[in-house]
Amino acid sequence: MSQLIVISAIGTDRTGVVQDLTKVVLACGGNIEESRMTTLGAEFAMLLLVSGNWHTLSRLEQGLDKLCDKGDLQVSIKKTDDKPIAENRMPYAVDVVALDQQGIVFNLANFFASRDIEIADVATRSYAAAHTGAPMFAVQMAVNVPSSVHVAQLRDEFLELCDRLNLDAILEPVKA
């Protein structure tokens, strides 16, 4: 029977860090089902959903401990289950761009949480605007809107929030 394991790893960004970790997963009989990997400052962060049999977890712990002994990687392992299917929810994409300011992610998360809207995925980045060099901030979200929510009203309330915060934003259904 297949088990699911979530691995989170953070370490100094260097060439080969992805290879080192995925080599351990493969050697232990694990299969990467999903992953997110990115550089944050001088660190490299990874989240992996790994499947494997019941031996995989103990072998992964041993293999990852050896990898961590080098001192530049911290790893955490957690057993998990399949994500329950969210019935009666519609997937929407949220794209936001604004001059960088504190609280953008919090205000968006607060807006959706207060309406029982699940945030499935978030990606943010800071960058300098073309030509002016102004500090900019971009957010991409995947949210799951309950079918009981009136979408036109949700969109109006969302755009009103974005106007108040001076955010340029789009809320649109995900097209499969």
N, C-alpha and C. Protein backbone atom coordinates (compact mmCIF):
# COMPACT_ATOMS: atom_id res chain seq x y z
N MET A 1 0.84 -1.18 0.00
CA MET A 1 0.00 0.00 0.00
C MET A 1 0.89 1.25 0.00
N SER A 2 0.54 2.20 -0.82
CA SER A 2 1.34 3.41 -0.96
C SER A 2 1.08 4.38 0.18
N GLN A 3 2.16 4.96 0.69
CA GLN A 3 2.11 5.98 1.73
C GLN A 3 2.48 7.31 1.10
N LEU A 4 1.99 8.40 1.69
CA LEU A 4 2.37 9.73 1.24
C LEU A 4 3.15 10.42 2.34
N ILE A 5 4.23 11.07 1.95
CA ILE A 5 5.13 11.75 2.87
C ILE A 5 5.40 13.14 2.32
N VAL A 6 5.34 14.13 3.19
CA VAL A 6 5.71 15.49 2.81
C VAL A 6 7.11 15.74 3.35
N ILE A 7 7.99 16.18 2.49
CA ILE A 7 9.36 16.53 2.88
C ILE A 7 9.53 18.03 2.66
N SER A 8 9.98 18.72 3.70
CA SER A 8 10.36 20.13 3.52
C SER A 8 11.85 20.22 3.78
N ALA A 9 12.54 20.93 2.93
CA ALA A 9 13.99 21.06 3.05
C ALA A 9 14.40 22.49 2.76
N ILE A 10 15.28 23.00 3.61
CA ILE A 10 15.83 24.35 3.41
C ILE A 10 17.33 24.26 3.62
N GLY A 11 18.05 24.85 2.69
CA GLY A 11 19.50 24.84 2.83
C GLY A 11 20.15 25.90 1.99
N THR A 12 21.42 26.07 2.18
CA THR A 12 22.19 27.03 1.41
C THR A 12 22.05 26.72 -0.07
N ASP A 13 21.74 27.73 -0.86
CA ASP A 13 21.59 27.53 -2.30
C ASP A 13 22.94 27.19 -2.91
N ARG A 14 22.96 26.09 -3.63
CA ARG A 14 24.19 25.66 -4.30
C ARG A 14 23.81 24.74 -5.45
N THR A 15 24.68 24.64 -6.41
CA THR A 15 24.49 23.72 -7.51
C THR A 15 24.47 22.30 -6.97
N GLY A 16 23.47 21.51 -7.36
CA GLY A 16 23.40 20.11 -6.98
C GLY A 16 22.51 19.79 -5.81
N VAL A 17 21.94 20.80 -5.14
CA VAL A 17 21.10 20.52 -3.98
C VAL A 17 19.85 19.73 -4.38
N VAL A 18 19.25 20.05 -5.51
CA VAL A 18 18.07 19.30 -5.98
C VAL A 18 18.48 17.88 -6.33
N GLN A 19 19.60 17.72 -6.99
CA GLN A 19 20.09 16.39 -7.35
C GLN A 19 20.32 15.55 -6.10
N ASP A 20 20.96 16.14 -5.08
CA ASP A 20 21.26 15.39 -3.86
C ASP A 20 19.99 14.88 -3.19
N LEU A 21 19.00 15.74 -3.05
CA LEU A 21 17.78 15.34 -2.36
C LEU A 21 16.97 14.34 -3.18
N THR A 22 16.84 14.57 -4.46
CA THR A 22 16.04 13.66 -5.29
C THR A 22 16.72 12.31 -5.45
N LYS A 23 18.04 12.29 -5.35
CA LYS A 23 18.78 11.02 -5.40
C LYS A 23 18.42 10.16 -4.18
N VAL A 24 18.32 10.78 -3.01
CA VAL A 24 17.94 10.06 -1.79
C VAL A 24 16.52 9.53 -1.92
N VAL A 25 15.61 10.35 -2.42
CA VAL A 25 14.21 9.93 -2.60
C VAL A 25 14.15 8.71 -3.52
N LEU A 26 14.84 8.77 -4.63
CA LEU A 26 14.84 7.66 -5.59
C LEU A 26 15.47 6.41 -4.99
N ALA A 27 16.60 6.56 -4.32
CA ALA A 27 17.30 5.42 -3.74
C ALA A 27 16.47 4.72 -2.66
N CYS A 28 15.58 5.45 -2.03
CA CYS A 28 14.74 4.88 -0.97
C CYS A 28 13.43 4.32 -1.50
N GLY A 29 13.24 4.35 -2.79
CA GLY A 29 12.02 3.82 -3.38
C GLY A 29 10.87 4.81 -3.42
N GLY A 30 11.16 6.07 -3.22
CA GLY A 30 10.12 7.09 -3.25
C GLY A 30 9.88 7.62 -4.64
N ASN A 31 8.68 8.15 -4.85
CA ASN A 31 8.31 8.77 -6.12
C ASN A 31 7.77 10.17 -5.82
N ILE A 32 8.34 11.19 -6.45
CA ILE A 32 7.89 12.56 -6.22
C ILE A 32 6.58 12.77 -6.98
N GLU A 33 5.50 13.01 -6.22
CA GLU A 33 4.17 13.23 -6.79
C GLU A 33 3.95 14.70 -7.14
N GLU A 34 4.39 15.57 -6.23
CA GLU A 34 4.27 17.02 -6.42
C GLU A 34 5.48 17.67 -5.77
N SER A 35 5.85 18.86 -6.25
CA SER A 35 6.95 19.57 -5.60
C SER A 35 6.87 21.06 -5.89
N ARG A 36 7.46 21.81 -4.99
CA ARG A 36 7.69 23.24 -5.16
C ARG A 36 9.12 23.47 -4.72
N MET A 37 9.88 24.14 -5.54
CA MET A 37 11.27 24.43 -5.22
C MET A 37 11.59 25.84 -5.67
N THR A 38 12.30 26.58 -4.81
CA THR A 38 12.62 27.95 -5.16
C THR A 38 13.81 28.46 -4.35
N THR A 39 14.43 29.49 -4.83
CA THR A 39 15.49 30.18 -4.11
C THR A 39 14.86 31.35 -3.37
N LEU A 40 15.14 31.45 -2.08
CA LEU A 40 14.67 32.56 -1.25
C LEU A 40 15.89 33.17 -0.59
N GLY A 41 16.29 34.35 -1.03
CA GLY A 41 17.54 34.93 -0.55
C GLY A 41 18.68 34.03 -0.95
N ALA A 42 19.54 33.68 0.00
CA ALA A 42 20.67 32.79 -0.28
C ALA A 42 20.32 31.34 0.04
N GLU A 43 19.06 31.06 0.33
CA GLU A 43 18.62 29.71 0.68
C GLU A 43 17.81 29.10 -0.46
N PHE A 44 17.81 27.77 -0.50
CA PHE A 44 16.99 27.03 -1.45
C PHE A 44 15.96 26.26 -0.64
N ALA A 45 14.70 26.38 -0.99
CA ALA A 45 13.63 25.72 -0.24
C ALA A 45 12.89 24.76 -1.15
N MET A 46 12.56 23.59 -0.58
CA MET A 46 11.85 22.56 -1.34
C MET A 46 10.72 22.00 -0.50
N LEU A 47 9.60 21.76 -1.15
CA LEU A 47 8.49 20.99 -0.58
C LEU A 47 8.21 19.87 -1.56
N LEU A 48 8.20 18.65 -1.06
CA LEU A 48 7.98 17.49 -1.92
C LEU A 48 6.89 16.62 -1.33
N LEU A 49 5.98 16.15 -2.16
CA LEU A 49 5.03 15.12 -1.77
C LEU A 49 5.55 13.84 -2.41
N VAL A 50 5.94 12.89 -1.56
CA VAL A 50 6.58 11.67 -2.02
C VAL A 50 5.69 10.49 -1.68
N SER A 51 5.53 9.58 -2.64
CA SER A 51 4.79 8.35 -2.38
C SER A 51 5.78 7.18 -2.35
N GLY A 52 5.39 6.15 -1.62
CA GLY A 52 6.22 4.95 -1.54
C GLY A 52 5.58 3.96 -0.59
N ASN A 53 6.18 2.80 -0.48
CA ASN A 53 5.63 1.79 0.44
C ASN A 53 6.05 2.13 1.87
N TRP A 54 5.67 1.30 2.82
CA TRP A 54 5.91 1.62 4.23
C TRP A 54 7.39 1.63 4.59
N HIS A 55 8.23 0.95 3.80
CA HIS A 55 9.68 0.98 4.04
C HIS A 55 10.28 2.33 3.65
N THR A 56 9.62 3.02 2.74
CA THR A 56 10.16 4.26 2.21
C THR A 56 10.42 5.29 3.32
N LEU A 57 9.46 5.43 4.26
CA LEU A 57 9.60 6.44 5.30
C LEU A 57 10.87 6.24 6.13
N SER A 58 11.09 5.03 6.63
CA SER A 58 12.27 4.82 7.47
C SER A 58 13.56 4.96 6.66
N ARG A 59 13.56 4.48 5.43
CA ARG A 59 14.76 4.63 4.59
C ARG A 59 15.01 6.09 4.25
N LEU A 60 13.92 6.84 4.02
CA LEU A 60 14.07 8.27 3.73
C LEU A 60 14.66 9.01 4.94
N GLU A 61 14.17 8.70 6.13
CA GLU A 61 14.69 9.37 7.32
C GLU A 61 16.19 9.14 7.45
N GLN A 62 16.63 7.90 7.24
CA GLN A 62 18.06 7.59 7.35
C GLN A 62 18.85 8.28 6.24
N GLY A 63 18.36 8.21 5.03
CA GLY A 63 19.06 8.82 3.90
C GLY A 63 19.14 10.33 4.02
N LEU A 64 18.06 10.95 4.47
CA LEU A 64 18.05 12.40 4.61
C LEU A 64 18.91 12.84 5.80
N ASP A 65 18.95 12.04 6.86
CA ASP A 65 19.83 12.36 7.99
C ASP A 65 21.29 12.43 7.52
N LYS A 66 21.70 11.47 6.70
CA LYS A 66 23.07 11.48 6.17
C LYS A 66 23.31 12.73 5.34
N LEU A 67 22.33 13.10 4.53
CA LEU A 67 22.45 14.30 3.70
C LEU A 67 22.56 15.56 4.57
N CYS A 68 21.82 15.60 5.67
CA CYS A 68 21.84 16.76 6.57
C CYS A 68 23.13 16.85 7.38
N ASP A 69 23.86 15.74 7.52
CA ASP A 69 25.09 15.74 8.30
C ASP A 69 26.13 16.70 7.72
N LYS A 70 25.99 17.03 6.45
CA LYS A 70 26.92 17.98 5.83
C LYS A 70 26.74 19.38 6.39
N GLY A 71 25.59 19.64 7.05
CA GLY A 71 25.38 20.90 7.74
C GLY A 71 24.74 22.02 6.97
N ASP A 72 24.52 21.86 5.67
CA ASP A 72 23.94 22.97 4.91
C ASP A 72 22.49 22.72 4.51
N LEU A 73 21.85 21.72 5.12
CA LEU A 73 20.48 21.38 4.77
C LEU A 73 19.71 20.96 6.02
N GLN A 74 18.50 21.50 6.17
CA GLN A 74 17.60 21.10 7.25
C GLN A 74 16.37 20.47 6.61
N VAL A 75 15.98 19.28 7.09
CA VAL A 75 14.89 18.53 6.47
C VAL A 75 13.87 18.13 7.53
N SER A 76 12.62 18.19 7.14
CA SER A 76 11.53 17.74 7.99
C SER A 76 10.66 16.78 7.17
N ILE A 77 10.20 15.70 7.81
CA ILE A 77 9.37 14.70 7.13
C ILE A 77 8.06 14.56 7.90
N LYS A 78 6.95 14.48 7.18
CA LYS A 78 5.65 14.31 7.82
C LYS A 78 4.80 13.39 6.96
N LYS A 79 4.22 12.38 7.59
CA LYS A 79 3.30 11.50 6.88
C LYS A 79 1.99 12.24 6.65
N THR A 80 1.35 11.99 5.51
CA THR A 80 0.10 12.67 5.18
C THR A 80 -0.83 11.70 4.45
N ASP A 81 -2.01 12.17 4.15
CA ASP A 81 -3.00 11.41 3.40
C ASP A 81 -3.32 12.14 2.10
N ASP A 82 -4.06 11.47 1.22
CA ASP A 82 -4.55 12.13 0.01
C ASP A 82 -5.42 13.32 0.42
N LYS A 83 -5.35 14.38 -0.36
CA LYS A 83 -6.19 15.54 -0.11
C LYS A 83 -7.63 15.19 -0.46
N PRO A 84 -8.57 15.47 0.46
CA PRO A 84 -9.96 15.18 0.14
C PRO A 84 -10.42 16.06 -1.02
N ILE A 85 -11.26 15.50 -1.85
CA ILE A 85 -11.79 16.24 -2.99
C ILE A 85 -12.80 17.26 -2.46
N ALA A 86 -12.57 18.52 -2.82
CA ALA A 86 -13.47 19.60 -2.39
C ALA A 86 -14.63 19.69 -3.37
N GLU A 87 -15.75 19.17 -2.95
CA GLU A 87 -16.93 19.22 -3.81
C GLU A 87 -17.55 20.60 -3.75
N ASN A 88 -18.24 20.96 -4.79
CA ASN A 88 -18.98 22.22 -4.87
C ASN A 88 -18.08 23.44 -4.68
N ARG A 89 -16.87 23.35 -5.20
CA ARG A 89 -15.96 24.49 -5.19
C ARG A 89 -15.46 24.72 -6.61
N MET A 90 -15.36 25.98 -6.97
CA MET A 90 -14.92 26.35 -8.31
C MET A 90 -13.51 26.94 -8.23
N PRO A 91 -12.59 26.46 -9.07
CA PRO A 91 -11.23 27.00 -9.04
C PRO A 91 -11.14 28.37 -9.73
N TYR A 92 -10.50 29.30 -9.05
CA TYR A 92 -10.28 30.64 -9.60
C TYR A 92 -8.81 31.00 -9.48
N ALA A 93 -8.35 31.83 -10.40
CA ALA A 93 -6.98 32.35 -10.38
C ALA A 93 -7.04 33.82 -9.97
N VAL A 94 -6.10 34.21 -9.12
CA VAL A 94 -5.99 35.59 -8.66
C VAL A 94 -4.60 36.07 -9.04
N ASP A 95 -4.54 37.20 -9.73
CA ASP A 95 -3.27 37.83 -10.07
C ASP A 95 -3.29 39.26 -9.56
N VAL A 96 -2.27 39.63 -8.81
CA VAL A 96 -2.18 40.96 -8.22
C VAL A 96 -0.79 41.52 -8.49
N VAL A 97 -0.75 42.80 -8.86
CA VAL A 97 0.51 43.52 -9.04
C VAL A 97 0.33 44.88 -8.38
N ALA A 98 1.36 45.32 -7.65
CA ALA A 98 1.27 46.62 -6.98
C ALA A 98 2.65 47.12 -6.63
N LEU A 99 2.72 48.39 -6.28
CA LEU A 99 3.93 48.90 -5.66
C LEU A 99 4.09 48.12 -4.36
N ASP A 100 5.31 47.72 -4.06
CA ASP A 100 5.55 46.91 -2.87
C ASP A 100 5.15 47.68 -1.62
N GLN A 101 4.39 47.01 -0.76
CA GLN A 101 3.95 47.58 0.50
C GLN A 101 3.66 46.46 1.48
N GLN A 102 3.77 46.73 2.75
CA GLN A 102 3.50 45.71 3.76
C GLN A 102 2.03 45.31 3.75
N GLY A 103 1.76 44.04 4.02
CA GLY A 103 0.40 43.58 4.26
C GLY A 103 -0.37 43.09 3.06
N ILE A 104 0.22 43.07 1.88
CA ILE A 104 -0.53 42.65 0.70
C ILE A 104 -1.01 41.21 0.85
N VAL A 105 -0.13 40.29 1.18
CA VAL A 105 -0.50 38.88 1.29
C VAL A 105 -1.50 38.69 2.43
N PHE A 106 -1.27 39.35 3.57
CA PHE A 106 -2.20 39.25 4.68
C PHE A 106 -3.59 39.72 4.28
N ASN A 107 -3.69 40.88 3.65
CA ASN A 107 -5.00 41.41 3.27
C ASN A 107 -5.74 40.50 2.29
N LEU A 108 -5.02 39.91 1.35
CA LEU A 108 -5.65 38.97 0.42
C LEU A 108 -6.10 37.71 1.16
N ALA A 109 -5.23 37.16 2.00
CA ALA A 109 -5.57 35.96 2.75
C ALA A 109 -6.77 36.21 3.67
N ASN A 110 -6.79 37.36 4.32
CA ASN A 110 -7.90 37.73 5.20
C ASN A 110 -9.21 37.84 4.42
N PHE A 111 -9.15 38.45 3.25
CA PHE A 111 -10.35 38.58 2.41
C PHE A 111 -10.93 37.21 2.08
N PHE A 112 -10.08 36.29 1.61
CA PHE A 112 -10.58 34.98 1.20
C PHE A 112 -11.01 34.13 2.40
N ALA A 113 -10.25 34.15 3.47
CA ALA A 113 -10.59 33.35 4.65
C ALA A 113 -11.92 33.79 5.25
N SER A 114 -12.18 35.08 5.25
CA SER A 114 -13.44 35.58 5.82
C SER A 114 -14.66 35.16 5.01
N ARG A 115 -14.44 34.64 3.82
CA ARG A 115 -15.53 34.18 2.94
C ARG A 115 -15.50 32.67 2.74
N ASP A 116 -14.74 31.95 3.57
CA ASP A 116 -14.61 30.49 3.48
C ASP A 116 -14.10 30.04 2.12
N ILE A 117 -13.19 30.84 1.56
CA ILE A 117 -12.59 30.51 0.27
C ILE A 117 -11.19 29.97 0.53
N GLU A 118 -10.98 28.72 0.11
CA GLU A 118 -9.71 28.04 0.32
C GLU A 118 -8.64 28.59 -0.61
N ILE A 119 -7.47 28.89 -0.04
CA ILE A 119 -6.32 29.27 -0.86
C ILE A 119 -5.53 27.98 -1.08
N ALA A 120 -5.45 27.55 -2.34
CA ALA A 120 -4.78 26.29 -2.67
C ALA A 120 -3.30 26.48 -2.97
N ASP A 121 -2.93 27.65 -3.48
CA ASP A 121 -1.54 27.87 -3.86
C ASP A 121 -1.27 29.37 -3.89
N VAL A 122 -0.08 29.76 -3.46
CA VAL A 122 0.33 31.16 -3.48
C VAL A 122 1.77 31.24 -3.95
N ALA A 123 2.05 32.17 -4.83
CA ALA A 123 3.42 32.48 -5.23
C ALA A 123 3.55 34.00 -5.25
N THR A 124 4.61 34.51 -4.65
CA THR A 124 4.85 35.95 -4.65
C THR A 124 6.27 36.23 -5.11
N ARG A 125 6.47 37.46 -5.57
CA ARG A 125 7.83 37.87 -5.91
C ARG A 125 7.93 39.38 -5.90
N SER A 126 9.10 39.85 -5.56
CA SER A 126 9.41 41.28 -5.61
C SER A 126 10.32 41.50 -6.81
N TYR A 127 10.17 42.65 -7.43
CA TYR A 127 11.01 42.97 -8.58
C TYR A 127 11.01 44.48 -8.79
N ALA A 128 11.92 44.96 -9.60
CA ALA A 128 11.99 46.38 -9.93
C ALA A 128 11.21 46.63 -11.21
N ALA A 129 10.38 47.66 -11.21
CA ALA A 129 9.59 48.00 -12.39
C ALA A 129 10.50 48.40 -13.54
N ALA A 130 10.09 48.02 -14.74
CA ALA A 130 10.85 48.42 -15.93
C ALA A 130 10.84 49.94 -16.02
N HIS A 131 11.89 50.50 -16.50
CA HIS A 131 12.07 51.93 -16.75
C HIS A 131 12.25 52.75 -15.47
N THR A 132 11.37 52.58 -14.45
CA THR A 132 11.44 53.43 -13.26
C THR A 132 12.25 52.80 -12.13
N GLY A 133 12.30 51.48 -12.09
CA GLY A 133 13.01 50.80 -11.01
C GLY A 133 12.24 50.77 -9.70
N ALA A 134 10.97 51.21 -9.73
CA ALA A 134 10.16 51.23 -8.51
C ALA A 134 10.01 49.81 -7.96
N PRO A 135 10.01 49.64 -6.64
CA PRO A 135 9.85 48.30 -6.05
C PRO A 135 8.42 47.80 -6.24
N MET A 136 8.29 46.67 -6.91
CA MET A 136 6.98 46.09 -7.23
C MET A 136 6.82 44.76 -6.50
N PHE A 137 5.56 44.33 -6.38
CA PHE A 137 5.24 43.06 -5.73
C PHE A 137 4.13 42.39 -6.54
N ALA A 138 4.30 41.11 -6.83
CA ALA A 138 3.30 40.35 -7.59
C ALA A 138 2.87 39.14 -6.78
N VAL A 139 1.59 38.82 -6.85
CA VAL A 139 1.01 37.66 -6.17
C VAL A 139 0.18 36.88 -7.17
N GLN A 140 0.40 35.57 -7.22
CA GLN A 140 -0.47 34.69 -7.99
C GLN A 140 -1.03 33.68 -7.00
N MET A 141 -2.36 33.52 -7.02
CA MET A 141 -3.03 32.59 -6.12
C MET A 141 -3.96 31.70 -6.90
N ALA A 142 -4.13 30.50 -6.39
CA ALA A 142 -5.20 29.61 -6.85
C ALA A 142 -6.13 29.46 -5.65
N VAL A 143 -7.40 29.79 -5.85
CA VAL A 143 -8.38 29.70 -4.77
C VAL A 143 -9.54 28.82 -5.22
N ASN A 144 -10.22 28.24 -4.23
CA ASN A 144 -11.39 27.40 -4.51
C ASN A 144 -12.61 28.04 -3.87
N VAL A 145 -13.51 28.54 -4.72
CA VAL A 145 -14.67 29.30 -4.28
C VAL A 145 -15.86 28.37 -4.11
N PRO A 146 -16.50 28.38 -2.92
CA PRO A 146 -17.69 27.55 -2.73
C PRO A 146 -18.78 27.95 -3.73
N SER A 147 -19.52 26.96 -4.20
CA SER A 147 -20.56 27.24 -5.19
C SER A 147 -21.68 28.10 -4.61
N SER A 148 -21.76 28.19 -3.28
CA SER A 148 -22.78 29.02 -2.63
C SER A 148 -22.45 30.51 -2.69
N VAL A 149 -21.21 30.84 -3.03
CA VAL A 149 -20.80 32.24 -3.11
C VAL A 149 -21.25 32.83 -4.44
N HIS A 150 -21.87 34.00 -4.37
CA HIS A 150 -22.30 34.70 -5.58
C HIS A 150 -21.07 35.36 -6.20
N VAL A 151 -20.65 34.87 -7.36
CA VAL A 151 -19.37 35.26 -7.95
C VAL A 151 -19.32 36.74 -8.31
N ALA A 152 -20.39 37.29 -8.85
CA ALA A 152 -20.38 38.71 -9.22
C ALA A 152 -20.17 39.59 -7.98
N GLN A 153 -20.82 39.24 -6.88
CA GLN A 153 -20.66 39.99 -5.64
C GLN A 153 -19.24 39.81 -5.09
N LEU A 154 -18.72 38.58 -5.16
CA LEU A 154 -17.35 38.32 -4.72
C LEU A 154 -16.37 39.17 -5.52
N ARG A 155 -16.54 39.20 -6.83
CA ARG A 155 -15.63 39.97 -7.68
C ARG A 155 -15.71 41.45 -7.33
N ASP A 156 -16.92 41.98 -7.12
CA ASP A 156 -17.08 43.39 -6.76
C ASP A 156 -16.38 43.70 -5.44
N GLU A 157 -16.58 42.84 -4.43
CA GLU A 157 -15.95 43.05 -3.13
C GLU A 157 -14.42 42.95 -3.23
N PHE A 158 -13.95 42.00 -4.03
CA PHE A 158 -12.52 41.82 -4.21
C PHE A 158 -11.90 43.05 -4.89
N LEU A 159 -12.53 43.53 -5.95
CA LEU A 159 -12.00 44.70 -6.65
C LEU A 159 -12.08 45.96 -5.79
N GLU A 160 -13.09 46.04 -4.93
CA GLU A 160 -13.19 47.17 -4.00
C GLU A 160 -12.02 47.14 -3.00
N LEU A 161 -11.71 45.95 -2.47
CA LEU A 161 -10.55 45.81 -1.59
C LEU A 161 -9.28 46.23 -2.32
N CYS A 162 -9.12 45.75 -3.53
CA CYS A 162 -7.91 46.07 -4.31
C CYS A 162 -7.81 47.56 -4.60
N ASP A 163 -8.93 48.21 -4.89
CA ASP A 163 -8.91 49.66 -5.10
C ASP A 163 -8.47 50.39 -3.83
N ARG A 164 -8.99 49.96 -2.68
CA ARG A 164 -8.62 50.59 -1.40
C ARG A 164 -7.13 50.44 -1.12
N LEU A 165 -6.56 49.28 -1.50
CA LEU A 165 -5.15 49.02 -1.22
C LEU A 165 -4.23 49.41 -2.38
N ASN A 166 -4.80 49.95 -3.44
CA ASN A 166 -4.05 50.35 -4.63
C ASN A 166 -3.34 49.16 -5.28
N LEU A 167 -4.11 48.07 -5.45
CA LEU A 167 -3.60 46.86 -6.09
C LEU A 167 -4.25 46.70 -7.45
N ASP A 168 -3.48 46.36 -8.44
CA ASP A 168 -4.03 46.03 -9.76
C ASP A 168 -4.27 44.52 -9.73
N ALA A 169 -5.53 44.09 -9.92
CA ALA A 169 -5.85 42.68 -9.69
C ALA A 169 -6.85 42.12 -10.69
N ILE A 170 -6.78 40.80 -10.82
CA ILE A 170 -7.71 40.04 -11.65
C ILE A 170 -8.15 38.81 -10.85
N LEU A 171 -9.46 38.52 -10.89
CA LEU A 171 -10.02 37.31 -10.31
C LEU A 171 -10.81 36.66 -11.42
N GLU A 172 -10.34 35.49 -11.90
CA GLU A 172 -11.02 34.86 -13.01
C GLU A 172 -11.05 33.34 -12.85
N PRO A 173 -12.07 32.70 -13.44
CA PRO A 173 -12.15 31.24 -13.32
C PRO A 173 -10.99 30.58 -14.03
N VAL A 174 -10.56 29.44 -13.49
CA VAL A 174 -9.51 28.66 -14.13
C VAL A 174 -10.14 27.91 -15.30
N LYS A 175 -9.53 28.07 -16.45
CA LYS A 175 -10.03 27.39 -17.64
C LYS A 175 -9.21 26.12 -17.84
N ALA A 176 -9.87 25.00 -17.77
CA ALA A 176 -9.16 23.70 -17.87
C ALA A 176 -8.62 23.46 -19.25
